[in-house]
Amino acid sequence: MQILADCIPRSGGNHNPVSLSKVLQFYGFDTQHQIDVLNSWIVGNADYGVPRYKFALKGDALNFVIPTTVVSDIAKAIQDKATPAM
């Protein structure tokens, strides 16, 4: 959850408190390009994404995400698909 709370506003989303029950559109993510930017923060940002916690995600781990994806589904995917960083 902390990864999403950090990455959503920094990748272009609004600064509403992040809730697991909201969809990404609530935070201003209306286009696939905006989703791709968020995904790149989650997957690759060393300060706020999964690398911060010494984990990694494959580049396609979050390909299912669209503007109507519920934040809890993203959090679950991060938890289920993260592997220890090499």
PDB file of N, CA and C in Angstrom:
ATOM      1  N   MET A   1       0.817  -1.194   0.000  1.00  0.00           N
ATOM      2  CA  MET A   1       0.000   0.000   0.000  1.00  0.00           C
ATOM      3  C   MET A   1       0.862   1.261   0.000  1.00  0.00           C
ATOM      4  N   GLN A   2       1.974   1.229   0.739  1.00  0.00           N
ATOM      5  CA  GLN A   2       2.828   2.415   0.817  1.00  0.00           C
ATOM      6  C   GLN A   2       3.387   2.783  -0.547  1.00  0.00           C
ATOM      7  N   ILE A   3       3.711   1.781  -1.350  1.00  0.00           N
ATOM      8  CA  ILE A   3       4.225   2.051  -2.695  1.00  0.00           C
ATOM      9  C   ILE A   3       3.196   2.849  -3.483  1.00  0.00           C
ATOM     10  N   LEU A   4       1.939   2.454  -3.425  1.00  0.00           N
ATOM     11  CA  LEU A   4       0.900   3.167  -4.151  1.00  0.00           C
ATOM     12  C   LEU A   4       0.665   4.555  -3.573  1.00  0.00           C
ATOM     13  N   ALA A   5       0.686   4.682  -2.267  1.00  0.00           N
ATOM     14  CA  ALA A   5       0.514   5.993  -1.628  1.00  0.00           C
ATOM     15  C   ALA A   5       1.638   6.946  -2.040  1.00  0.00           C
ATOM     16  N   ASP A   6       2.821   6.415  -2.269  1.00  0.00           N
ATOM     17  CA  ASP A   6       3.946   7.237  -2.699  1.00  0.00           C
ATOM     18  C   ASP A   6       3.919   7.512  -4.203  1.00  0.00           C
ATOM     19  N   CYS A   7       3.598   6.498  -4.997  1.00  0.00           N
ATOM     20  CA  CYS A   7       3.714   6.616  -6.452  1.00  0.00           C
ATOM     21  C   CYS A   7       2.526   7.311  -7.122  1.00  0.00           C
ATOM     22  N   ILE A   8       1.336   7.159  -6.601  1.00  0.00           N
ATOM     23  CA  ILE A   8       0.168   7.754  -7.262  1.00  0.00           C
ATOM     24  C   ILE A   8       0.306   9.276  -7.393  1.00  0.00           C
ATOM     25  N   PRO A   9       0.568  10.016  -6.324  1.00  0.00           N
ATOM     26  CA  PRO A   9       0.678  11.465  -6.511  1.00  0.00           C
ATOM     27  C   PRO A   9       1.936  11.887  -7.270  1.00  0.00           C
ATOM     28  N   ARG A  10       3.022  11.175  -7.090  1.00  0.00           N
ATOM     29  CA  ARG A  10       4.275  11.556  -7.740  1.00  0.00           C
ATOM     30  C   ARG A  10       4.272  11.280  -9.239  1.00  0.00           C
ATOM     31  N   SER A  11       3.440  10.366  -9.689  1.00  0.00           N
ATOM     32  CA  SER A  11       3.405  10.036 -11.113  1.00  0.00           C
ATOM     33  C   SER A  11       2.315  10.803 -11.857  1.00  0.00           C
ATOM     34  N   GLY A  12       1.710  11.765 -11.199  1.00  0.00           N
ATOM     35  CA  GLY A  12       0.741  12.619 -11.885  1.00  0.00           C
ATOM     36  C   GLY A  12      -0.670  12.566 -11.341  1.00  0.00           C
ATOM     37  N   GLY A  13      -0.914  11.693 -10.382  1.00  0.00           N
ATOM     38  CA  GLY A  13      -2.237  11.625  -9.791  1.00  0.00           C
ATOM     39  C   GLY A  13      -2.462  12.762  -8.812  1.00  0.00           C
ATOM     40  N   ASN A  14      -3.714  12.979  -8.451  1.00  0.00           N
ATOM     41  CA  ASN A  14      -3.985  14.038  -7.484  1.00  0.00           C
ATOM     42  C   ASN A  14      -3.516  13.597  -6.096  1.00  0.00           C
ATOM     43  N   HIS A  15      -3.646  14.467  -5.149  1.00  0.00           N
ATOM     44  CA  HIS A  15      -3.113  14.195  -3.813  1.00  0.00           C
ATOM     45  C   HIS A  15      -4.189  13.767  -2.823  1.00  0.00           C
ATOM     46  N   ASN A  16      -5.306  13.222  -3.323  1.00  0.00           N
ATOM     47  CA  ASN A  16      -6.300  12.648  -2.419  1.00  0.00           C
ATOM     48  C   ASN A  16      -5.658  11.492  -1.658  1.00  0.00           C
ATOM     49  N   PRO A  17      -6.035  11.286  -0.400  1.00  0.00           N
ATOM     50  CA  PRO A  17      -5.507  10.129   0.332  1.00  0.00           C
ATOM     51  C   PRO A  17      -5.806   8.830  -0.430  1.00  0.00           C
ATOM     52  N   VAL A  18      -4.810   7.976  -0.539  1.00  0.00           N
ATOM     53  CA  VAL A  18      -4.963   6.739  -1.309  1.00  0.00           C
ATOM     54  C   VAL A  18      -5.767   5.728  -0.498  1.00  0.00           C
ATOM     55  N   SER A  19      -6.809   5.230  -1.122  1.00  0.00           N
ATOM     56  CA  SER A  19      -7.698   4.249  -0.509  1.00  0.00           C
ATOM     57  C   SER A  19      -7.733   2.998  -1.372  1.00  0.00           C
ATOM     58  N   LEU A  20      -7.658   1.844  -0.754  1.00  0.00           N
ATOM     59  CA  LEU A  20      -7.688   0.583  -1.491  1.00  0.00           C
ATOM     60  C   LEU A  20      -9.005   0.365  -2.229  1.00  0.00           C
ATOM     61  N   SER A  21     -10.056   1.031  -1.831  1.00  0.00           N
ATOM     62  CA  SER A  21     -11.370   0.806  -2.447  1.00  0.00           C
ATOM     63  C   SER A  21     -11.662   1.729  -3.625  1.00  0.00           C
ATOM     64  N   LYS A  22     -10.780   2.659  -3.932  1.00  0.00           N
ATOM     65  CA  LYS A  22     -10.995   3.604  -5.038  1.00  0.00           C
ATOM     66  C   LYS A  22     -10.403   3.056  -6.338  1.00  0.00           C
ATOM     67  N   VAL A  23     -10.932   3.544  -7.456  1.00  0.00           N
ATOM     68  CA  VAL A  23     -10.356   3.211  -8.765  1.00  0.00           C
ATOM     69  C   VAL A  23      -9.361   4.300  -9.148  1.00  0.00           C
ATOM     70  N   LEU A  24      -8.472   3.996 -10.072  1.00  0.00           N
ATOM     71  CA  LEU A  24      -7.443   4.959 -10.454  1.00  0.00           C
ATOM     72  C   LEU A  24      -8.026   6.254 -11.022  1.00  0.00           C
ATOM     73  N   GLN A  25      -9.178   6.182 -11.667  1.00  0.00           N
ATOM     74  CA  GLN A  25      -9.800   7.402 -12.190  1.00  0.00           C
ATOM     75  C   GLN A  25     -10.030   8.424 -11.083  1.00  0.00           C
ATOM     76  N   PHE A  26     -10.310   7.977  -9.875  1.00  0.00           N
ATOM     77  CA  PHE A  26     -10.517   8.870  -8.742  1.00  0.00           C
ATOM     78  C   PHE A  26      -9.295   9.753  -8.511  1.00  0.00           C
ATOM     79  N   TYR A  27      -8.134   9.261  -8.857  1.00  0.00           N
ATOM     80  CA  TYR A  27      -6.886   9.993  -8.668  1.00  0.00           C
ATOM     81  C   TYR A  27      -6.440  10.732  -9.928  1.00  0.00           C
ATOM     82  N   GLY A  28      -7.276  10.729 -10.963  1.00  0.00           N
ATOM     83  CA  GLY A  28      -6.976  11.476 -12.179  1.00  0.00           C
ATOM     84  C   GLY A  28      -6.321  10.682 -13.285  1.00  0.00           C
ATOM     85  N   PHE A  29      -6.239   9.372 -13.142  1.00  0.00           N
ATOM     86  CA  PHE A  29      -5.646   8.530 -14.188  1.00  0.00           C
ATOM     87  C   PHE A  29      -6.739   8.117 -15.171  1.00  0.00           C
ATOM     88  N   ASP A  30      -6.836   8.856 -16.277  1.00  0.00           N
ATOM     89  CA  ASP A  30      -7.901   8.637 -17.252  1.00  0.00           C
ATOM     90  C   ASP A  30      -7.429   8.008 -18.558  1.00  0.00           C
ATOM     91  N   THR A  31      -6.135   7.998 -18.808  1.00  0.00           N
ATOM     92  CA  THR A  31      -5.616   7.482 -20.073  1.00  0.00           C
ATOM     93  C   THR A  31      -4.609   6.372 -19.830  1.00  0.00           C
ATOM     94  N   GLN A  32      -4.384   5.573 -20.849  1.00  0.00           N
ATOM     95  CA  GLN A  32      -3.395   4.503 -20.737  1.00  0.00           C
ATOM     96  C   GLN A  32      -1.997   5.069 -20.553  1.00  0.00           C
ATOM     97  N   HIS A  33      -1.724   6.203 -21.166  1.00  0.00           N
ATOM     98  CA  HIS A  33      -0.405   6.829 -20.990  1.00  0.00           C
ATOM     99  C   HIS A  33      -0.170   7.166 -19.513  1.00  0.00           C
ATOM    100  N   GLN A  34      -1.175   7.713 -18.845  1.00  0.00           N
ATOM    101  CA  GLN A  34      -1.041   8.035 -17.428  1.00  0.00           C
ATOM    102  C   GLN A  34      -0.822   6.766 -16.597  1.00  0.00           C
ATOM    103  N   ILE A  35      -1.521   5.699 -16.960  1.00  0.00           N
ATOM    104  CA  ILE A  35      -1.339   4.409 -16.277  1.00  0.00           C
ATOM    105  C   ILE A  35       0.081   3.899 -16.491  1.00  0.00           C
ATOM    106  N   ASP A  36       0.581   4.028 -17.705  1.00  0.00           N
ATOM    107  CA  ASP A  36       1.942   3.573 -18.003  1.00  0.00           C
ATOM    108  C   ASP A  36       2.968   4.337 -17.171  1.00  0.00           C
ATOM    109  N   VAL A  37       2.757   5.639 -16.984  1.00  0.00           N
ATOM    110  CA  VAL A  37       3.662   6.434 -16.154  1.00  0.00           C
ATOM    111  C   VAL A  37       3.615   5.924 -14.714  1.00  0.00           C
ATOM    112  N   LEU A  38       2.419   5.698 -14.192  1.00  0.00           N
ATOM    113  CA  LEU A  38       2.288   5.155 -12.834  1.00  0.00           C
ATOM    114  C   LEU A  38       3.003   3.811 -12.720  1.00  0.00           C
ATOM    115  N   ASN A  39       2.764   2.929 -13.675  1.00  0.00           N
ATOM    116  CA  ASN A  39       3.403   1.610 -13.650  1.00  0.00           C
ATOM    117  C   ASN A  39       4.927   1.725 -13.658  1.00  0.00           C
ATOM    118  N   SER A  40       5.454   2.671 -14.423  1.00  0.00           N
ATOM    119  CA  SER A  40       6.913   2.822 -14.473  1.00  0.00           C
ATOM    120  C   SER A  40       7.455   3.296 -13.122  1.00  0.00           C
ATOM    121  N   TRP A  41       6.707   4.126 -12.418  1.00  0.00           N
ATOM    122  CA  TRP A  41       7.112   4.541 -11.074  1.00  0.00           C
ATOM    123  C   TRP A  41       7.097   3.342 -10.131  1.00  0.00           C
ATOM    124  N   ILE A  42       6.046   2.547 -10.185  1.00  0.00           N
ATOM    125  CA  ILE A  42       5.923   1.393  -9.291  1.00  0.00           C
ATOM    126  C   ILE A  42       7.035   0.390  -9.548  1.00  0.00           C
ATOM    127  N   VAL A  43       7.281   0.082 -10.810  1.00  0.00           N
ATOM    128  CA  VAL A  43       8.245  -0.956 -11.179  1.00  0.00           C
ATOM    129  C   VAL A  43       9.687  -0.476 -11.053  1.00  0.00           C
ATOM    130  N   GLY A  44       9.948   0.799 -11.398  1.00  0.00           N
ATOM    131  CA  GLY A  44      11.337   1.192 -11.547  1.00  0.00           C
ATOM    132  C   GLY A  44      11.883   2.297 -10.680  1.00  0.00           C
ATOM    133  N   ASN A  45      11.062   3.000  -9.931  1.00  0.00           N
ATOM    134  CA  ASN A  45      11.586   4.126  -9.164  1.00  0.00           C
ATOM    135  C   ASN A  45      12.253   3.627  -7.880  1.00  0.00           C
ATOM    136  N   ALA A  46      13.544   3.897  -7.767  1.00  0.00           N
ATOM    137  CA  ALA A  46      14.326   3.392  -6.635  1.00  0.00           C
ATOM    138  C   ALA A  46      13.961   4.059  -5.310  1.00  0.00           C
ATOM    139  N   ASP A  47      13.383   5.243  -5.362  1.00  0.00           N
ATOM    140  CA  ASP A  47      13.048   5.955  -4.131  1.00  0.00           C
ATOM    141  C   ASP A  47      11.644   5.663  -3.628  1.00  0.00           C
ATOM    142  N   TYR A  48      10.701   5.336  -4.535  1.00  0.00           N
ATOM    143  CA  TYR A  48       9.308   5.180  -4.142  1.00  0.00           C
ATOM    144  C   TYR A  48       8.646   3.881  -4.603  1.00  0.00           C
ATOM    145  N   GLY A  49       9.202   3.201  -5.580  1.00  0.00           N
ATOM    146  CA  GLY A  49       8.617   1.972  -6.106  1.00  0.00           C
ATOM    147  C   GLY A  49       9.128   0.726  -5.406  1.00  0.00           C
ATOM    148  N   VAL A  50       8.887  -0.424  -6.029  1.00  0.00           N
ATOM    149  CA  VAL A  50       9.298  -1.685  -5.413  1.00  0.00           C
ATOM    150  C   VAL A  50      10.806  -1.804  -5.187  1.00  0.00           C
ATOM    151  N   PRO A  51      11.662  -1.176  -6.013  1.00  0.00           N
ATOM    152  CA  PRO A  51      13.103  -1.285  -5.731  1.00  0.00           C
ATOM    153  C   PRO A  51      13.488  -0.717  -4.357  1.00  0.00           C
ATOM    154  N   ARG A  52      12.707   0.219  -3.859  1.00  0.00           N
ATOM    155  CA  ARG A  52      12.967   0.799  -2.528  1.00  0.00           C
ATOM    156  C   ARG A  52      12.990  -0.282  -1.450  1.00  0.00           C
ATOM    157  N   TYR A  53      12.194  -1.313  -1.648  1.00  0.00           N
ATOM    158  CA  TYR A  53      12.078  -2.392  -0.668  1.00  0.00           C
ATOM    159  C   TYR A  53      12.882  -3.634  -1.071  1.00  0.00           C
ATOM    160  N   LYS A  54      13.797  -3.439  -2.016  1.00  0.00           N
ATOM    161  CA  LYS A  54      14.687  -4.521  -2.482  1.00  0.00           C
ATOM    162  C   LYS A  54      13.922  -5.641  -3.187  1.00  0.00           C
ATOM    163  N   PHE A  55      12.852  -5.259  -3.891  1.00  0.00           N
ATOM    164  CA  PHE A  55      12.080  -6.192  -4.693  1.00  0.00           C
ATOM    165  C   PHE A  55      12.063  -5.719  -6.127  1.00  0.00           C
ATOM    166  N   ALA A  56      11.595  -6.591  -7.008  1.00  0.00           N
ATOM    167  CA  ALA A  56      11.481  -6.271  -8.427  1.00  0.00           C
ATOM    168  C   ALA A  56      10.154  -6.802  -8.955  1.00  0.00           C
ATOM    169  N   LEU A  57       9.682  -6.172 -10.001  1.00  0.00           N
ATOM    170  CA  LEU A  57       8.506  -6.641 -10.742  1.00  0.00           C
ATOM    171  C   LEU A  57       8.888  -6.705 -12.199  1.00  0.00           C
ATOM    172  N   LYS A  58       8.427  -7.716 -12.886  1.00  0.00           N
ATOM    173  CA  LYS A  58       8.624  -7.763 -14.331  1.00  0.00           C
ATOM    174  C   LYS A  58       7.893  -6.587 -14.945  1.00  0.00           C
ATOM    175  N   GLY A  59       8.392  -6.105 -16.054  1.00  0.00           N
ATOM    176  CA  GLY A  59       7.806  -4.956 -16.725  1.00  0.00           C
ATOM    177  C   GLY A  59       6.351  -5.118 -17.090  1.00  0.00           C
ATOM    178  N   ASP A  60       5.919  -6.363 -17.293  1.00  0.00           N
ATOM    179  CA  ASP A  60       4.527  -6.592 -17.687  1.00  0.00           C
ATOM    180  C   ASP A  60       3.630  -6.985 -16.511  1.00  0.00           C
ATOM    181  N   ALA A  61       4.132  -6.916 -15.299  1.00  0.00           N
ATOM    182  CA  ALA A  61       3.381  -7.374 -14.124  1.00  0.00           C
ATOM    183  C   ALA A  61       2.093  -6.589 -13.905  1.00  0.00           C
ATOM    184  N   LEU A  62       2.064  -5.354 -14.366  1.00  0.00           N
ATOM    185  CA  LEU A  62       0.898  -4.510 -14.139  1.00  0.00           C
ATOM    186  C   LEU A  62       0.179  -4.149 -15.440  1.00  0.00           C
ATOM    187  N   ASN A  63       0.385  -4.957 -16.472  1.00  0.00           N
ATOM    188  CA  ASN A  63      -0.245  -4.684 -17.768  1.00  0.00           C
ATOM    189  C   ASN A  63      -1.769  -4.730 -17.734  1.00  0.00           C
ATOM    190  N   PHE A  64      -2.347  -5.335 -16.730  1.00  0.00           N
ATOM    191  CA  PHE A  64      -3.798  -5.437 -16.628  1.00  0.00           C
ATOM    192  C   PHE A  64      -4.454  -4.128 -16.180  1.00  0.00           C
ATOM    193  N   VAL A  65      -3.659  -3.185 -15.674  1.00  0.00           N
ATOM    194  CA  VAL A  65      -4.194  -1.976 -15.057  1.00  0.00           C
ATOM    195  C   VAL A  65      -4.787  -1.039 -16.107  1.00  0.00           C
ATOM    196  N   ILE A  66      -6.011  -0.582 -15.842  1.00  0.00           N
ATOM    197  CA  ILE A  66      -6.714   0.406 -16.655  1.00  0.00           C
ATOM    198  C   ILE A  66      -7.298   1.445 -15.694  1.00  0.00           C
ATOM    199  N   PRO A  67      -7.837   2.548 -16.200  1.00  0.00           N
ATOM    200  CA  PRO A  67      -8.347   3.588 -15.300  1.00  0.00           C
ATOM    201  C   PRO A  67      -9.397   3.120 -14.290  1.00  0.00           C
ATOM    202  N   THR A  68     -10.139   2.085 -14.612  1.00  0.00           N
ATOM    203  CA  THR A  68     -11.176   1.615 -13.683  1.00  0.00           C
ATOM    204  C   THR A  68     -10.697   0.484 -12.763  1.00  0.00           C
ATOM    205  N   THR A  69      -9.397   0.238 -12.743  1.00  0.00           N
ATOM    206  CA  THR A  69      -8.840  -0.775 -11.841  1.00  0.00           C
ATOM    207  C   THR A  69      -8.884  -0.255 -10.405  1.00  0.00           C
ATOM    208  N   VAL A  70      -9.331  -1.107  -9.503  1.00  0.00           N
ATOM    209  CA  VAL A  70      -9.387  -0.761  -8.082  1.00  0.00           C
ATOM    210  C   VAL A  70      -7.970  -0.842  -7.502  1.00  0.00           C
ATOM    211  N   VAL A  71      -7.625   0.114  -6.680  1.00  0.00           N
ATOM    212  CA  VAL A  71      -6.281   0.191  -6.102  1.00  0.00           C
ATOM    213  C   VAL A  71      -5.916  -1.105  -5.370  1.00  0.00           C
ATOM    214  N   SER A  72      -6.865  -1.732  -4.710  1.00  0.00           N
ATOM    215  CA  SER A  72      -6.560  -2.986  -4.000  1.00  0.00           C
ATOM    216  C   SER A  72      -6.095  -4.077  -4.953  1.00  0.00           C
ATOM    217  N   ASP A  73      -6.595  -4.088  -6.183  1.00  0.00           N
ATOM    218  CA  ASP A  73      -6.147  -5.085  -7.160  1.00  0.00           C
ATOM    219  C   ASP A  73      -4.689  -4.854  -7.564  1.00  0.00           C
ATOM    220  N   ILE A  74      -4.298  -3.606  -7.630  1.00  0.00           N
ATOM    221  CA  ILE A  74      -2.906  -3.284  -7.946  1.00  0.00           C
ATOM    222  C   ILE A  74      -2.013  -3.676  -6.774  1.00  0.00           C
ATOM    223  N   ALA A  75      -2.446  -3.347  -5.572  1.00  0.00           N
ATOM    224  CA  ALA A  75      -1.667  -3.710  -4.381  1.00  0.00           C
ATOM    225  C   ALA A  75      -1.484  -5.216  -4.282  1.00  0.00           C
ATOM    226  N   LYS A  76      -2.541  -5.960  -4.570  1.00  0.00           N
ATOM    227  CA  LYS A  76      -2.459  -7.420  -4.540  1.00  0.00           C
ATOM    228  C   LYS A  76      -1.488  -7.937  -5.597  1.00  0.00           C
ATOM    229  N   ALA A  77      -1.528  -7.364  -6.789  1.00  0.00           N
ATOM    230  CA  ALA A  77      -0.615  -7.788  -7.852  1.00  0.00           C
ATOM    231  C   ALA A  77       0.834  -7.498  -7.472  1.00  0.00           C
ATOM    232  N   ILE A  78       1.078  -6.355  -6.868  1.00  0.00           N
ATOM    233  CA  ILE A  78       2.440  -6.029  -6.432  1.00  0.00           C
ATOM    234  C   ILE A  78       2.908  -7.068  -5.415  1.00  0.00           C
ATOM    235  N   GLN A  79       2.066  -7.363  -4.468  1.00  0.00           N
ATOM    236  CA  GLN A  79       2.424  -8.339  -3.428  1.00  0.00           C
ATOM    237  C   GLN A  79       2.634  -9.726  -4.026  1.00  0.00           C
ATOM    238  N   ASP A  80       1.753 -10.153  -4.926  1.00  0.00           N
ATOM    239  CA  ASP A  80       1.823 -11.498  -5.488  1.00  0.00           C
ATOM    240  C   ASP A  80       2.942 -11.692  -6.503  1.00  0.00           C
ATOM    241  N   LYS A  81       3.307 -10.619  -7.219  1.00  0.00           N
ATOM    242  CA  LYS A  81       4.234 -10.759  -8.323  1.00  0.00           C
ATOM    243  C   LYS A  81       5.646 -10.260  -8.014  1.00  0.00           C
ATOM    244  N   ALA A  82       5.847  -9.611  -6.885  1.00  0.00           N
ATOM    245  CA  ALA A  82       7.171  -9.101  -6.540  1.00  0.00           C
ATOM    246  C   ALA A  82       8.119 -10.245  -6.215  1.00  0.00           C
ATOM    247  N   THR A  83       9.334 -10.098  -6.675  1.00  0.00           N
ATOM    248  CA  THR A  83      10.374 -11.078  -6.388  1.00  0.00           C
ATOM    249  C   THR A  83      11.582 -10.341  -5.803  1.00  0.00           C
ATOM    250  N   PRO A  84      12.410 -11.021  -5.025  1.00  0.00           N
ATOM    251  CA  PRO A  84      13.594 -10.353  -4.485  1.00  0.00           C
ATOM    252  C   PRO A  84      14.472  -9.799  -5.612  1.00  0.00           C
ATOM    253  N   ALA A  85      14.966  -8.600  -5.426  1.00  0.00           N
ATOM    254  CA  ALA A  85      15.834  -7.974  -6.422  1.00  0.00           C
ATOM    255  C   ALA A  85      17.158  -8.708  -6.476  1.00  0.00           C
ATOM    256  N   MET A  86      17.701  -8.762  -7.651  1.00  0.00           N
ATOM    257  CA  MET A  86      19.005  -9.444  -7.824  1.00  0.00           C
ATOM    258  C   MET A  86      20.132  -8.489  -7.551  1.00  0.00           C
TER     259      MET A  86
END
